[in-house]
Amino acid sequence: MIYYTPGYFRVFNKGKITILGNYMPSDFALDNNTLVWENQQGGLQAFYDGNIYDLTAFDRAAFKLEGNSLWFKSQTSPNKVFLRGKIYDN
């Protein structure tokens, strides 16, 4: 479950609350056990199995989440897939 309270973007997963940021992202997706969102700097982040992953830095990325498989591509990086905590280059 994801939710926002004033000043905190949070996820409740496996009985634990994790703070993901101090803002509500304008773009995010949730499917199965993977949550992906765009951070305030324009980078892409993911939450999977209790961990937060930085997928891109400051460049905006196109992404599509299907189940736990996330495809993403930014202006500076080729097609990549994030699956169960690992990044695979295409």
Protein backbone atom coordinates (compact mmCIF):
# COMPACT_ATOMS: atom_id res chain seq x y z
CA MET A 1 0.00 0.00 0.00
CA ILE A 2 1.33 3.45 -0.87
CA TYR A 3 0.11 6.67 0.66
CA TYR A 4 0.96 10.32 1.24
CA THR A 5 0.67 12.23 4.49
CA PRO A 6 1.69 15.90 4.60
CA GLY A 7 5.41 15.88 3.87
CA TYR A 8 5.91 12.13 3.37
CA PHE A 9 5.45 9.66 0.51
CA ARG A 10 5.31 6.22 2.17
CA VAL A 11 4.88 2.55 1.46
CA PHE A 12 3.49 -0.08 3.82
CA ASN A 13 5.05 -3.42 2.91
CA LYS A 14 5.33 -6.64 4.92
CA GLY A 15 4.21 -4.94 8.13
CA LYS A 16 6.75 -2.11 7.86
CA ILE A 17 6.34 1.56 6.87
CA THR A 18 9.12 3.01 4.70
CA ILE A 19 9.40 6.72 3.86
CA LEU A 20 10.26 7.10 0.18
CA GLY A 21 10.45 10.88 0.00
CA ASN A 22 9.21 14.19 1.35
CA TYR A 23 6.97 14.91 -1.65
CA MET A 24 4.20 13.26 -3.64
CA PRO A 25 5.57 12.15 -7.03
CA SER A 26 3.67 13.28 -10.08
CA ASP A 27 4.32 10.00 -11.89
CA PHE A 28 4.42 6.54 -10.32
CA ALA A 29 3.32 2.96 -11.00
CA LEU A 30 2.62 -0.03 -8.76
CA ASP A 31 2.25 -3.64 -9.85
CA ASN A 32 2.76 -6.83 -7.82
CA ASN A 33 5.64 -6.10 -5.42
CA THR A 34 7.32 -3.30 -7.40
CA LEU A 35 6.73 0.43 -7.04
CA VAL A 36 8.45 2.87 -9.39
CA TRP A 37 8.33 6.67 -9.30
CA GLU A 38 9.98 9.80 -10.62
CA ASN A 39 11.90 11.70 -7.95
CA GLN A 40 12.14 15.47 -7.55
CA GLN A 41 15.31 15.65 -9.66
CA GLY A 42 13.66 13.76 -12.53
CA GLY A 43 15.41 10.46 -11.86
CA LEU A 44 13.67 7.12 -11.64
CA GLN A 45 13.54 5.14 -8.39
CA ALA A 46 12.05 1.77 -7.49
CA PHE A 47 10.99 0.04 -4.28
CA TYR A 48 11.18 -3.73 -4.26
CA ASP A 49 11.36 -6.22 -1.39
CA GLY A 50 11.99 -3.53 1.24
CA ASN A 51 14.77 -1.76 -0.68
CA ILE A 52 14.94 1.51 -2.63
CA TYR A 53 16.85 1.47 -5.92
CA ASP A 54 18.12 4.50 -7.87
CA LEU A 55 17.63 3.60 -11.53
CA THR A 56 18.50 6.87 -13.30
CA ALA A 57 20.04 10.10 -12.08
CA PHE A 58 18.75 13.44 -13.33
CA ASP A 59 17.42 12.56 -16.76
CA ARG A 60 13.75 11.82 -17.17
CA ALA A 61 12.98 8.27 -18.23
CA ALA A 62 10.17 6.64 -20.10
CA PHE A 63 9.02 3.53 -18.25
CA LYS A 64 6.46 0.75 -18.26
CA LEU A 65 5.80 -1.60 -15.36
CA GLU A 66 4.24 -5.02 -15.96
CA GLY A 67 4.13 -7.25 -12.89
CA ASN A 68 7.59 -7.03 -11.33
CA SER A 69 9.26 -6.25 -14.69
CA LEU A 70 10.11 -2.61 -15.31
CA TRP A 71 11.31 -1.43 -18.72
CA PHE A 72 12.90 2.01 -18.75
CA LYS A 73 14.91 4.23 -21.08
CA SER A 74 16.31 7.72 -20.59
CA GLN A 75 17.97 10.16 -22.97
CA THR A 76 21.42 9.04 -21.83
CA SER A 77 20.90 5.31 -21.30
CA PRO A 78 19.68 2.53 -23.59
CA ASN A 79 16.77 0.20 -22.91
CA LYS A 80 17.06 -1.43 -19.50
CA VAL A 81 14.96 -3.81 -17.43
CA PHE A 82 14.69 -3.81 -13.64
CA LEU A 83 13.54 -7.16 -12.29
CA ARG A 84 13.60 -8.34 -8.68
CA GLY A 85 16.30 -5.92 -7.57
CA LYS A 86 18.61 -6.23 -10.56
CA ILE A 87 19.13 -4.07 -13.66
CA TYR A 88 19.62 -5.79 -17.03
CA ASP A 89 20.93 -3.98 -20.11
CA ASN A 90 19.20 -4.67 -23.36
